[in-house]
PDB file of N, CA and C in Angstrom:
ATOM      1  N   MET A   1     -34.762 -24.308  21.162  1.00  0.00           N
ATOM      2  CA  MET A   1     -34.961 -25.071  20.905  1.00  0.00           C
ATOM      3  C   MET A   1     -34.037 -25.645  20.145  1.00  0.00           C
ATOM      4  N   PRO A   2     -33.311 -26.678  20.243  1.00  0.00           N
ATOM      5  CA  PRO A   2     -32.216 -27.339  19.316  1.00  0.00           C
ATOM      6  C   PRO A   2     -32.277 -27.193  18.148  1.00  0.00           C
ATOM      7  N   ARG A   3     -30.799 -26.616  17.326  1.00  0.00           N
ATOM      8  CA  ARG A   3     -30.744 -26.768  15.895  1.00  0.00           C
ATOM      9  C   ARG A   3     -30.969 -27.871  15.432  1.00  0.00           C
ATOM     10  N   SER A   4     -31.737 -27.631  14.220  1.00  0.00           N
ATOM     11  CA  SER A   4     -31.165 -29.111  13.519  1.00  0.00           C
ATOM     12  C   SER A   4     -30.454 -28.878  12.100  1.00  0.00           C
ATOM     13  N   SER A   5     -29.718 -30.337  11.466  1.00  0.00           N
ATOM     14  CA  SER A   5     -29.135 -30.174  10.801  1.00  0.00           C
ATOM     15  C   SER A   5     -29.299 -29.289   9.225  1.00  0.00           C
ATOM     16  N   THR A   6     -30.301 -28.855   9.253  1.00  0.00           N
ATOM     17  CA  THR A   6     -31.110 -28.142   7.873  1.00  0.00           C
ATOM     18  C   THR A   6     -31.040 -26.332   8.040  1.00  0.00           C
ATOM     19  N   THR A   7     -30.727 -26.161   9.513  1.00  0.00           N
ATOM     20  CA  THR A   7     -30.494 -24.805   9.964  1.00  0.00           C
ATOM     21  C   THR A   7     -29.648 -24.310   9.500  1.00  0.00           C
ATOM     22  N   ARG A   8     -29.419 -22.727   8.671  1.00  0.00           N
ATOM     23  CA  ARG A   8     -28.731 -21.769   8.130  1.00  0.00           C
ATOM     24  C   ARG A   8     -28.364 -21.432   9.008  1.00  0.00           C
ATOM     25  N   VAL A   9     -26.942 -20.779   8.893  1.00  0.00           N
ATOM     26  CA  VAL A   9     -26.310 -20.066   9.820  1.00  0.00           C
ATOM     27  C   VAL A   9     -26.126 -18.746   8.965  1.00  0.00           C
ATOM     28  N   ILE A  10     -26.743 -17.797   9.929  1.00  0.00           N
ATOM     29  CA  ILE A  10     -26.502 -15.842   8.760  1.00  0.00           C
ATOM     30  C   ILE A  10     -25.925 -15.636   9.764  1.00  0.00           C
ATOM     31  N   LEU A  11     -24.841 -14.547   8.824  1.00  0.00           N
ATOM     32  CA  LEU A  11     -23.691 -13.711   9.328  1.00  0.00           C
ATOM     33  C   LEU A  11     -24.400 -13.032   9.822  1.00  0.00           C
ATOM     34  N   PRO A  12     -24.243 -12.029  10.809  1.00  0.00           N
ATOM     35  CA  PRO A  12     -24.639 -10.784  11.160  1.00  0.00           C
ATOM     36  C   PRO A  12     -24.415  -9.604   9.971  1.00  0.00           C
ATOM     37  N   PRO A  13     -25.583  -8.886  10.087  1.00  0.00           N
ATOM     38  CA  PRO A  13     -25.456  -8.033   9.056  1.00  0.00           C
ATOM     39  C   PRO A  13     -23.926  -7.097   9.108  1.00  0.00           C
ATOM     40  N   ILE A  14     -23.373  -6.739   9.985  1.00  0.00           N
ATOM     41  CA  ILE A  14     -22.147  -5.798  10.681  1.00  0.00           C
ATOM     42  C   ILE A  14     -20.903  -6.636  10.167  1.00  0.00           C
ATOM     43  N   LEU A  15     -20.649  -7.796  10.162  1.00  0.00           N
ATOM     44  CA  LEU A  15     -19.698  -8.823   9.910  1.00  0.00           C
ATOM     45  C   LEU A  15     -19.820  -9.166   8.230  1.00  0.00           C
ATOM     46  N   VAL A  16     -21.117  -9.031   7.172  1.00  0.00           N
ATOM     47  CA  VAL A  16     -20.870  -8.963   6.439  1.00  0.00           C
ATOM     48  C   VAL A  16     -20.542  -7.294   5.963  1.00  0.00           C
ATOM     49  N   ALA A  17     -21.072  -6.448   6.672  1.00  0.00           N
ATOM     50  CA  ALA A  17     -20.408  -5.133   5.638  1.00  0.00           C
ATOM     51  C   ALA A  17     -18.915  -4.738   6.144  1.00  0.00           C
ATOM     52  N   GLU A  18     -18.815  -5.196   7.131  1.00  0.00           N
ATOM     53  CA  GLU A  18     -17.031  -5.396   7.420  1.00  0.00           C
ATOM     54  C   GLU A  18     -16.193  -6.265   6.486  1.00  0.00           C
ATOM     55  N   ILE A  19     -16.635  -7.509   5.972  1.00  0.00           N
ATOM     56  CA  ILE A  19     -16.083  -8.443   5.119  1.00  0.00           C
ATOM     57  C   ILE A  19     -16.082  -7.586   3.823  1.00  0.00           C
ATOM     58  N   ILE A  20     -17.305  -6.841   3.473  1.00  0.00           N
ATOM     59  CA  ILE A  20     -17.794  -6.297   1.709  1.00  0.00           C
ATOM     60  C   ILE A  20     -16.335  -4.884   1.915  1.00  0.00           C
ATOM     61  N   GLY A  21     -16.154  -4.215   2.910  1.00  0.00           N
ATOM     62  CA  GLY A  21     -15.722  -2.626   3.169  1.00  0.00           C
ATOM     63  C   GLY A  21     -13.964  -3.387   3.197  1.00  0.00           C
ATOM     64  N   LEU A  22     -13.878  -4.484   3.656  1.00  0.00           N
ATOM     65  CA  LEU A  22     -12.043  -4.832   4.071  1.00  0.00           C
ATOM     66  C   LEU A  22     -11.752  -5.392   2.058  1.00  0.00           C
ATOM     67  N   ARG A  23     -12.828  -5.803   1.672  1.00  0.00           N
ATOM     68  CA  ARG A  23     -12.113  -7.154   0.971  1.00  0.00           C
ATOM     69  C   ARG A  23     -12.255  -5.489  -0.516  1.00  0.00           C
ATOM     70  N   ALA A  24     -13.185  -4.483  -0.511  1.00  0.00           N
ATOM     71  CA  ALA A  24     -13.242  -3.143  -1.653  1.00  0.00           C
ATOM     72  C   ALA A  24     -12.150  -2.653  -1.461  1.00  0.00           C
ATOM     73  N   SER A  25     -11.739  -2.691   0.214  1.00  0.00           N
ATOM     74  CA  SER A  25     -10.266  -1.657  -0.038  1.00  0.00           C
ATOM     75  C   SER A  25      -9.440  -2.144  -0.513  1.00  0.00           C
ATOM     76  N   GLY A  26      -9.520  -3.509  -0.725  1.00  0.00           N
ATOM     77  CA  GLY A  26      -8.365  -4.064  -1.403  1.00  0.00           C
ATOM     78  C   GLY A  26      -8.637  -4.244  -3.012  1.00  0.00           C
ATOM     79  N   VAL A  27      -9.667  -4.223  -3.534  1.00  0.00           N
ATOM     80  CA  VAL A  27      -9.801  -4.375  -4.672  1.00  0.00           C
ATOM     81  C   VAL A  27      -9.576  -2.895  -5.457  1.00  0.00           C
ATOM     82  N   PHE A  28      -9.555  -2.052  -4.830  1.00  0.00           N
ATOM     83  CA  PHE A  28      -9.425  -0.242  -5.621  1.00  0.00           C
ATOM     84  C   PHE A  28      -8.346   0.076  -5.043  1.00  0.00           C
ATOM     85  N   SER A  29      -7.572  -0.728  -4.461  1.00  0.00           N
ATOM     86  CA  SER A  29      -6.010   0.080  -4.069  1.00  0.00           C
ATOM     87  C   SER A  29      -4.738  -0.958  -5.115  1.00  0.00           C
ATOM     88  N   LEU A  30      -4.098   0.032  -5.553  1.00  0.00           N
ATOM     89  CA  LEU A  30      -3.039  -0.302  -6.897  1.00  0.00           C
ATOM     90  C   LEU A  30      -2.110  -1.231  -5.576  1.00  0.00           C
ATOM     91  N   GLY A  31      -1.996  -2.884  -6.014  1.00  0.00           N
ATOM     92  CA  GLY A  31      -0.960  -3.288  -5.297  1.00  0.00           C
ATOM     93  C   GLY A  31      -0.305  -4.274  -6.259  1.00  0.00           C
ATOM     94  N   PRO A  32       0.341  -5.513  -5.775  1.00  0.00           N
ATOM     95  CA  PRO A  32       1.251  -5.929  -6.781  1.00  0.00           C
ATOM     96  C   PRO A  32       0.332  -6.759  -7.450  1.00  0.00           C
ATOM     97  N   LEU A  33      -0.386  -7.601  -7.611  1.00  0.00           N
ATOM     98  CA  LEU A  33      -1.500  -8.012  -8.464  1.00  0.00           C
ATOM     99  C   LEU A  33      -1.619  -6.832  -9.418  1.00  0.00           C
ATOM    100  N   THR A  34      -1.882  -5.719  -9.152  1.00  0.00           N
ATOM    101  CA  THR A  34      -2.755  -4.658 -10.077  1.00  0.00           C
ATOM    102  C   THR A  34      -1.492  -4.066 -11.040  1.00  0.00           C
ATOM    103  N   LEU A  35      -0.558  -4.058 -10.805  1.00  0.00           N
ATOM    104  CA  LEU A  35       1.188  -3.594 -10.982  1.00  0.00           C
ATOM    105  C   LEU A  35       1.571  -5.167 -11.958  1.00  0.00           C
ATOM    106  N   SER A  36       1.484  -5.991 -11.547  1.00  0.00           N
ATOM    107  CA  SER A  36       2.248  -7.191 -12.759  1.00  0.00           C
ATOM    108  C   SER A  36       0.934  -7.563 -13.756  1.00  0.00           C
ATOM    109  N   VAL A  37      -0.585  -7.442 -13.620  1.00  0.00           N
ATOM    110  CA  VAL A  37      -1.255  -7.671 -14.604  1.00  0.00           C
ATOM    111  C   VAL A  37      -0.936  -6.599 -15.454  1.00  0.00           C
ATOM    112  N   LEU A  38      -0.848  -5.284 -15.274  1.00  0.00           N
ATOM    113  CA  LEU A  38      -0.405  -4.057 -16.100  1.00  0.00           C
ATOM    114  C   LEU A  38       0.706  -4.150 -16.814  1.00  0.00           C
ATOM    115  N   ALA A  39       1.578  -4.719 -15.935  1.00  0.00           N
ATOM    116  CA  ALA A  39       3.245  -4.674 -16.623  1.00  0.00           C
ATOM    117  C   ALA A  39       3.139  -5.861 -17.787  1.00  0.00           C
ATOM    118  N   VAL A  40       2.728  -7.125 -17.375  1.00  0.00           N
ATOM    119  CA  VAL A  40       2.815  -8.233 -18.054  1.00  0.00           C
ATOM    120  C   VAL A  40       1.411  -8.336 -19.101  1.00  0.00           C
ATOM    121  N   GLY A  41       0.281  -7.629 -18.973  1.00  0.00           N
ATOM    122  CA  GLY A  41      -0.446  -7.609 -19.686  1.00  0.00           C
ATOM    123  C   GLY A  41      -0.103  -6.521 -21.183  1.00  0.00           C
ATOM    124  N   ARG A  42       0.745  -6.295 -21.190  1.00  0.00           N
ATOM    125  CA  ARG A  42       1.240  -5.620 -22.906  1.00  0.00           C
ATOM    126  C   ARG A  42       1.116  -6.506 -23.335  1.00  0.00           C
ATOM    127  N   THR A  43       2.289  -7.341 -22.812  1.00  0.00           N
ATOM    128  CA  THR A  43       2.723  -8.402 -23.781  1.00  0.00           C
ATOM    129  C   THR A  43       1.837  -9.851 -24.449  1.00  0.00           C
ATOM    130  N   GLY A  44       1.447 -10.230 -22.876  1.00  0.00           N
ATOM    131  CA  GLY A  44       0.443 -11.572 -22.846  1.00  0.00           C
ATOM    132  C   GLY A  44      -1.040 -11.436 -23.058  1.00  0.00           C
ATOM    133  N   GLY A  45      -1.491 -10.250 -23.183  1.00  0.00           N
ATOM    134  CA  GLY A  45      -2.724  -9.706 -23.765  1.00  0.00           C
ATOM    135  C   GLY A  45      -3.734 -10.054 -22.766  1.00  0.00           C
ATOM    136  N   VAL A  46      -4.997  -9.937 -23.543  1.00  0.00           N
ATOM    137  CA  VAL A  46      -5.763 -10.994 -22.828  1.00  0.00           C
ATOM    138  C   VAL A  46      -5.887 -11.910 -21.581  1.00  0.00           C
ATOM    139  N   ARG A  47      -4.871 -13.213 -22.070  1.00  0.00           N
ATOM    140  CA  ARG A  47      -4.945 -14.352 -22.137  1.00  0.00           C
ATOM    141  C   ARG A  47      -4.479 -13.950 -20.768  1.00  0.00           C
ATOM    142  N   TYR A  48      -3.450 -13.764 -20.384  1.00  0.00           N
ATOM    143  CA  TYR A  48      -2.236 -12.869 -19.226  1.00  0.00           C
ATOM    144  C   TYR A  48      -4.002 -12.703 -17.810  1.00  0.00           C
ATOM    145  N   GLY A  49      -4.411 -11.484 -18.230  1.00  0.00           N
ATOM    146  CA  GLY A  49      -5.326 -11.268 -17.464  1.00  0.00           C
ATOM    147  C   GLY A  49      -6.704 -11.957 -17.485  1.00  0.00           C
ATOM    148  N   ALA A  50      -7.054 -12.812 -18.144  1.00  0.00           N
ATOM    149  CA  ALA A  50      -7.623 -13.642 -17.708  1.00  0.00           C
ATOM    150  C   ALA A  50      -7.140 -14.471 -16.429  1.00  0.00           C
ATOM    151  N   LEU A  51      -5.799 -15.409 -17.005  1.00  0.00           N
ATOM    152  CA  LEU A  51      -5.411 -16.118 -16.015  1.00  0.00           C
ATOM    153  C   LEU A  51      -5.030 -15.613 -15.001  1.00  0.00           C
ATOM    154  N   THR A  52      -4.917 -14.646 -14.585  1.00  0.00           N
ATOM    155  CA  THR A  52      -4.228 -13.632 -13.112  1.00  0.00           C
ATOM    156  C   THR A  52      -6.169 -13.624 -12.781  1.00  0.00           C
ATOM    157  N   THR A  53      -6.972 -13.337 -13.169  1.00  0.00           N
ATOM    158  CA  THR A  53      -8.433 -13.463 -12.477  1.00  0.00           C
ATOM    159  C   THR A  53      -8.468 -14.453 -12.071  1.00  0.00           C
ATOM    160  N   LEU A  54      -8.339 -15.738 -12.699  1.00  0.00           N
ATOM    161  CA  LEU A  54      -8.822 -17.041 -12.048  1.00  0.00           C
ATOM    162  C   LEU A  54      -8.011 -17.468 -11.071  1.00  0.00           C
ATOM    163  N   GLY A  55      -6.661 -17.270 -11.283  1.00  0.00           N
ATOM    164  CA  GLY A  55      -6.093 -17.517 -10.296  1.00  0.00           C
ATOM    165  C   GLY A  55      -6.165 -17.187  -9.103  1.00  0.00           C
ATOM    166  N   HIS A  56      -6.052 -15.517  -9.105  1.00  0.00           N
ATOM    167  CA  HIS A  56      -6.926 -14.852  -7.797  1.00  0.00           C
ATOM    168  C   HIS A  56      -8.436 -15.263  -7.191  1.00  0.00           C
ATOM    169  N   MET A  57      -9.264 -15.701  -8.283  1.00  0.00           N
ATOM    170  CA  MET A  57     -10.562 -16.097  -7.696  1.00  0.00           C
ATOM    171  C   MET A  57     -10.170 -17.657  -6.574  1.00  0.00           C
ATOM    172  N   LEU A  58      -9.203 -18.111  -7.413  1.00  0.00           N
ATOM    173  CA  LEU A  58      -9.076 -19.761  -6.745  1.00  0.00           C
ATOM    174  C   LEU A  58      -8.825 -19.290  -5.186  1.00  0.00           C
ATOM    175  N   ALA A  59      -7.864 -18.400  -5.465  1.00  0.00           N
ATOM    176  CA  ALA A  59      -7.412 -17.891  -3.974  1.00  0.00           C
ATOM    177  C   ALA A  59      -8.679 -17.367  -3.037  1.00  0.00           C
ATOM    178  N   GLU A  60      -9.600 -16.620  -3.390  1.00  0.00           N
ATOM    179  CA  GLU A  60     -10.319 -16.148  -2.536  1.00  0.00           C
ATOM    180  C   GLU A  60     -11.294 -16.810  -2.196  1.00  0.00           C
ATOM    181  N   LEU A  61     -11.546 -17.704  -3.099  1.00  0.00           N
ATOM    182  CA  LEU A  61     -13.137 -18.928  -3.685  1.00  0.00           C
ATOM    183  C   LEU A  61     -12.793 -19.450  -2.030  1.00  0.00           C
ATOM    184  N   PRO A  62     -12.036 -20.523  -1.414  1.00  0.00           N
ATOM    185  CA  PRO A  62     -11.989 -20.955  -0.037  1.00  0.00           C
ATOM    186  C   PRO A  62     -12.315 -19.894   1.162  1.00  0.00           C
ATOM    187  N   LEU A  63     -11.966 -18.761   1.003  1.00  0.00           N
ATOM    188  CA  LEU A  63     -12.496 -17.749   1.962  1.00  0.00           C
ATOM    189  C   LEU A  63     -13.634 -17.307   1.933  1.00  0.00           C
ATOM    190  N   PHE A  64     -14.731 -17.132   0.999  1.00  0.00           N
ATOM    191  CA  PHE A  64     -15.908 -17.041   0.755  1.00  0.00           C
ATOM    192  C   PHE A  64     -16.726 -18.084   1.451  1.00  0.00           C
ATOM    193  N   LEU A  65     -16.344 -19.124   0.479  1.00  0.00           N
ATOM    194  CA  LEU A  65     -17.265 -20.342   1.302  1.00  0.00           C
ATOM    195  C   LEU A  65     -16.964 -20.933   2.556  1.00  0.00           C
ATOM    196  N   LEU A  66     -16.260 -20.568   3.410  1.00  0.00           N
ATOM    197  CA  LEU A  66     -15.799 -20.385   4.558  1.00  0.00           C
ATOM    198  C   LEU A  66     -16.693 -19.849   5.113  1.00  0.00           C
ATOM    199  N   LEU A  67     -16.881 -18.911   4.759  1.00  0.00           N
ATOM    200  CA  LEU A  67     -17.483 -17.677   5.184  1.00  0.00           C
ATOM    201  C   LEU A  67     -19.284 -17.993   5.446  1.00  0.00           C
ATOM    202  N   GLY A  68     -19.404 -18.260   4.200  1.00  0.00           N
ATOM    203  CA  GLY A  68     -20.760 -18.331   3.968  1.00  0.00           C
ATOM    204  C   GLY A  68     -21.210 -19.524   4.407  1.00  0.00           C
ATOM    205  N   LEU A  69     -20.427 -20.548   4.980  1.00  0.00           N
ATOM    206  CA  LEU A  69     -20.920 -21.654   5.582  1.00  0.00           C
ATOM    207  C   LEU A  69     -21.038 -21.320   6.905  1.00  0.00           C
ATOM    208  N   GLY A  70     -20.642 -20.837   7.711  1.00  0.00           N
ATOM    209  CA  GLY A  70     -20.699 -19.894   9.186  1.00  0.00           C
ATOM    210  C   GLY A  70     -19.366 -20.456   9.905  1.00  0.00           C
ATOM    211  N   LEU A  71     -18.116 -20.507   9.330  1.00  0.00           N
ATOM    212  CA  LEU A  71     -16.991 -20.644  10.174  1.00  0.00           C
ATOM    213  C   LEU A  71     -16.994 -19.789  10.961  1.00  0.00           C
ATOM    214  N   PRO A  72     -17.289 -18.952  10.759  1.00  0.00           N
ATOM    215  CA  PRO A  72     -16.959 -17.967  12.330  1.00  0.00           C
ATOM    216  C   PRO A  72     -18.009 -18.481  13.602  1.00  0.00           C
ATOM    217  N   HIS A  73     -19.180 -19.027  13.374  1.00  0.00           N
ATOM    218  CA  HIS A  73     -19.745 -19.508  14.695  1.00  0.00           C
ATOM    219  C   HIS A  73     -19.145 -20.622  15.263  1.00  0.00           C
ATOM    220  N   LEU A  74     -18.003 -21.661  14.347  1.00  0.00           N
ATOM    221  CA  LEU A  74     -17.340 -22.477  14.651  1.00  0.00           C
ATOM    222  C   LEU A  74     -16.280 -22.297  15.595  1.00  0.00           C
ATOM    223  N   LEU A  75     -15.900 -21.052  15.460  1.00  0.00           N
ATOM    224  CA  LEU A  75     -14.539 -20.595  16.308  1.00  0.00           C
ATOM    225  C   LEU A  75     -14.850 -19.779  17.386  1.00  0.00           C
ATOM    226  N   ASP A  76     -14.507 -19.903  18.813  1.00  0.00           N
ATOM    227  CA  ASP A  76     -15.234 -19.561  20.035  1.00  0.00           C
ATOM    228  C   ASP A  76     -14.550 -18.168  20.184  1.00  0.00           C
ATOM    229  N   ASN A  77     -15.161 -17.043  20.645  1.00  0.00           N
ATOM    230  CA  ASN A  77     -14.624 -15.715  20.864  1.00  0.00           C
ATOM    231  C   ASN A  77     -13.569 -15.775  21.492  1.00  0.00           C
ATOM    232  N   ARG A  78     -13.091 -16.665  22.026  1.00  0.00           N
ATOM    233  CA  ARG A  78     -11.804 -16.336  23.007  1.00  0.00           C
ATOM    234  C   ARG A  78     -10.265 -17.161  21.949  1.00  0.00           C
ATOM    235  N   VAL A  79     -10.899 -17.485  21.154  1.00  0.00           N
ATOM    236  CA  VAL A  79      -9.842 -18.086  19.932  1.00  0.00           C
ATOM    237  C   VAL A  79      -9.674 -17.137  18.780  1.00  0.00           C
ATOM    238  N   MET A  80     -10.684 -16.549  18.672  1.00  0.00           N
ATOM    239  CA  MET A  80     -10.555 -15.701  17.451  1.00  0.00           C
ATOM    240  C   MET A  80      -9.839 -13.975  18.143  1.00  0.00           C
ATOM    241  N   ARG A  81      -9.813 -14.150  19.770  1.00  0.00           N
ATOM    242  CA  ARG A  81      -9.182 -12.537  20.078  1.00  0.00           C
ATOM    243  C   ARG A  81      -8.311 -11.870  19.478  1.00  0.00           C
ATOM    244  N   VAL A  82      -6.889 -13.184  19.940  1.00  0.00           N
ATOM    245  CA  VAL A  82      -5.386 -12.905  19.433  1.00  0.00           C
ATOM    246  C   VAL A  82      -5.935 -12.974  17.642  1.00  0.00           C
ATOM    247  N   PRO A  83      -6.266 -13.856  16.899  1.00  0.00           N
ATOM    248  CA  PRO A  83      -6.130 -13.110  15.458  1.00  0.00           C
ATOM    249  C   PRO A  83      -6.876 -11.863  15.000  1.00  0.00           C
ATOM    250  N   SER A  84      -7.651 -11.569  16.109  1.00  0.00           N
ATOM    251  CA  SER A  84      -8.501 -10.381  15.645  1.00  0.00           C
ATOM    252  C   SER A  84      -7.692  -8.981  15.724  1.00  0.00           C
ATOM    253  N   LEU A  85      -6.804  -9.311  16.753  1.00  0.00           N
ATOM    254  CA  LEU A  85      -5.993  -8.005  17.328  1.00  0.00           C
ATOM    255  C   LEU A  85      -5.132  -8.617  16.495  1.00  0.00           C
ATOM    256  N   MET A  86      -4.585  -8.676  16.078  1.00  0.00           N
ATOM    257  CA  MET A  86      -3.249  -9.029  14.890  1.00  0.00           C
ATOM    258  C   MET A  86      -3.500  -8.401  13.513  1.00  0.00           C
ATOM    259  N   GLY A  87      -4.876  -8.872  13.279  1.00  0.00           N
ATOM    260  CA  GLY A  87      -5.538  -8.464  12.166  1.00  0.00           C
ATOM    261  C   GLY A  87      -5.490  -6.605  12.198  1.00  0.00           C
ATOM    262  N   GLY A  88      -6.858  -6.778  13.674  1.00  0.00           N
ATOM    263  CA  GLY A  88      -6.517  -5.561  13.429  1.00  0.00           C
ATOM    264  C   GLY A  88      -4.934  -4.496  13.462  1.00  0.00           C
ATOM    265  N   ALA A  89      -4.025  -4.482  14.281  1.00  0.00           N
ATOM    266  CA  ALA A  89      -3.049  -3.857  14.492  1.00  0.00           C
ATOM    267  C   ALA A  89      -2.599  -4.198  12.738  1.00  0.00           C
ATOM    268  N   ALA A  90      -2.447  -5.036  12.359  1.00  0.00           N
ATOM    269  CA  ALA A  90      -1.616  -4.893  11.169  1.00  0.00           C
ATOM    270  C   ALA A  90      -2.610  -3.813  10.012  1.00  0.00           C
ATOM    271  N   LEU A  91      -3.768  -3.918  10.378  1.00  0.00           N
ATOM    272  CA  LEU A  91      -4.587  -2.621   9.229  1.00  0.00           C
ATOM    273  C   LEU A  91      -4.072  -1.221   9.815  1.00  0.00           C
ATOM    274  N   LEU A  92      -4.655  -1.132  10.909  1.00  0.00           N
ATOM    275  CA  LEU A  92      -3.471   0.205  11.485  1.00  0.00           C
ATOM    276  C   LEU A  92      -2.618   0.601  11.120  1.00  0.00           C
ATOM    277  N   LEU A  93      -1.496  -0.778  11.101  1.00  0.00           N
ATOM    278  CA  LEU A  93      -0.019  -0.387  10.628  1.00  0.00           C
ATOM    279  C   LEU A  93       0.194   0.291   9.253  1.00  0.00           C
ATOM    280  N   TYR A  94      -0.901  -0.587   8.206  1.00  0.00           N
ATOM    281  CA  TYR A  94      -0.561  -0.752   6.693  1.00  0.00           C
ATOM    282  C   TYR A  94      -1.606   0.898   6.622  1.00  0.00           C
ATOM    283  N   ALA A  95      -2.663   1.293   7.018  1.00  0.00           N
ATOM    284  CA  ALA A  95      -3.317   2.607   7.077  1.00  0.00           C
ATOM    285  C   ALA A  95      -1.890   3.515   7.641  1.00  0.00           C
ATOM    286  N   ALA A  96      -1.347   3.811   8.621  1.00  0.00           N
ATOM    287  CA  ALA A  96      -0.456   4.148   9.065  1.00  0.00           C
ATOM    288  C   ALA A  96       0.449   4.829   7.914  1.00  0.00           C
ATOM    289  N   LEU A  97       1.175   3.560   7.276  1.00  0.00           N
ATOM    290  CA  LEU A  97       2.295   3.460   6.864  1.00  0.00           C
ATOM    291  C   LEU A  97       1.970   4.423   5.224  1.00  0.00           C
ATOM    292  N   SER A  98       0.715   3.803   5.081  1.00  0.00           N
ATOM    293  CA  SER A  98      -0.373   5.021   3.550  1.00  0.00           C
ATOM    294  C   SER A  98       0.108   6.256   3.897  1.00  0.00           C
ATOM    295  N   LEU A  99      -0.517   6.425   5.097  1.00  0.00           N
ATOM    296  CA  LEU A  99      -0.499   7.757   5.133  1.00  0.00           C
ATOM    297  C   LEU A  99       0.637   8.765   4.957  1.00  0.00           C
ATOM    298  N   ARG A 100       2.008   7.842   5.571  1.00  0.00           N
ATOM    299  CA  ARG A 100       2.927   8.555   5.678  1.00  0.00           C
ATOM    300  C   ARG A 100       3.565   8.815   4.312  1.00  0.00           C
ATOM    301  N   ASP A 101       3.289   7.694   3.051  1.00  0.00           N
ATOM    302  CA  ASP A 101       3.576   7.614   2.087  1.00  0.00           C
ATOM    303  C   ASP A 101       3.217   8.497   1.311  1.00  0.00           C
ATOM    304  N   ALA A 102       1.396   8.820   1.634  1.00  0.00           N
ATOM    305  CA  ALA A 102       1.008   9.872   1.458  1.00  0.00           C
ATOM    306  C   ALA A 102       2.032  11.233   1.615  1.00  0.00           C
ATOM    307  N   LEU A 103       1.758  11.547   3.102  1.00  0.00           N
ATOM    308  CA  LEU A 103       2.850  13.036   3.277  1.00  0.00           C
ATOM    309  C   LEU A 103       4.111  13.315   2.763  1.00  0.00           C
ATOM    310  N   TYR A 104       4.774  12.211   2.645  1.00  0.00           N
ATOM    311  CA  TYR A 104       5.812  12.138   2.120  1.00  0.00           C
ATOM    312  C   TYR A 104       5.494  12.465   0.410  1.00  0.00           C
ATOM    313  N   LYS A 105       5.070  12.149  -0.469  1.00  0.00           N
ATOM    314  CA  LYS A 105       4.740  12.367  -1.425  1.00  0.00           C
ATOM    315  C   LYS A 105       4.508  13.781  -1.891  1.00  0.00           C
ATOM    316  N   LYS A 106       3.650  14.493  -1.177  1.00  0.00           N
ATOM    317  CA  LYS A 106       2.605  15.724  -1.025  1.00  0.00           C
ATOM    318  C   LYS A 106       3.963  16.628  -0.793  1.00  0.00           C
ATOM    319  N   GLY A 107       4.815  16.407   0.091  1.00  0.00           N
ATOM    320  CA  GLY A 107       6.043  17.052   0.656  1.00  0.00           C
ATOM    321  C   GLY A 107       5.769  17.859   1.883  1.00  0.00           C
ATOM    322  N   ILE A 108       4.217  17.173   2.103  1.00  0.00           N
ATOM    323  CA  ILE A 108       4.523  18.059   3.717  1.00  0.00           C
ATOM    324  C   ILE A 108       5.209  17.413   4.775  1.00  0.00           C
ATOM    325  N   LEU A 109       5.584  16.061   4.367  1.00  0.00           N
ATOM    326  CA  LEU A 109       6.270  15.720   5.462  1.00  0.00           C
ATOM    327  C   LEU A 109       7.931  15.430   5.149  1.00  0.00           C
ATOM    328  N   PRO A 110       8.740  15.841   5.275  1.00  0.00           N
ATOM    329  CA  PRO A 110      10.528  15.720   5.261  1.00  0.00           C
ATOM    330  C   PRO A 110      10.970  14.318   4.960  1.00  0.00           C
ATOM    331  N   GLY A 111      11.755  14.049   4.203  1.00  0.00           N
ATOM    332  CA  GLY A 111      12.179  12.545   4.129  1.00  0.00           C
ATOM    333  C   GLY A 111      12.522  12.062   2.669  1.00  0.00           C
ATOM    334  N   ALA A 112      12.161  10.741   2.925  1.00  0.00           N
ATOM    335  CA  ALA A 112      12.205   9.867   1.524  1.00  0.00           C
ATOM    336  C   ALA A 112      11.135  10.425   0.989  1.00  0.00           C
TER     337      ALA A 112
END
């Protein structure tokens, strides 16, 4: 049956869970944005935090809109293979570096 122009594309639940999990890991980890809000928020007050939140939302909103509109279905699996592998490798590298830093700080690994 051909797809009509009003048919909605629904993301697979596993993809939705992956997106939420990855986004949540970014939300709960301290990064440059969190540290800049804490540092400048003392002098800039609530206004600085609100502006930072607005700027971050404007950067993230297009991603969520494209995902909601079904962008993954527009891209062929062959097209997504290389970026997916690169993204997966970057996540694994980030995890390994985070683990290494944690082990250094605990004194389990010698070095820095």
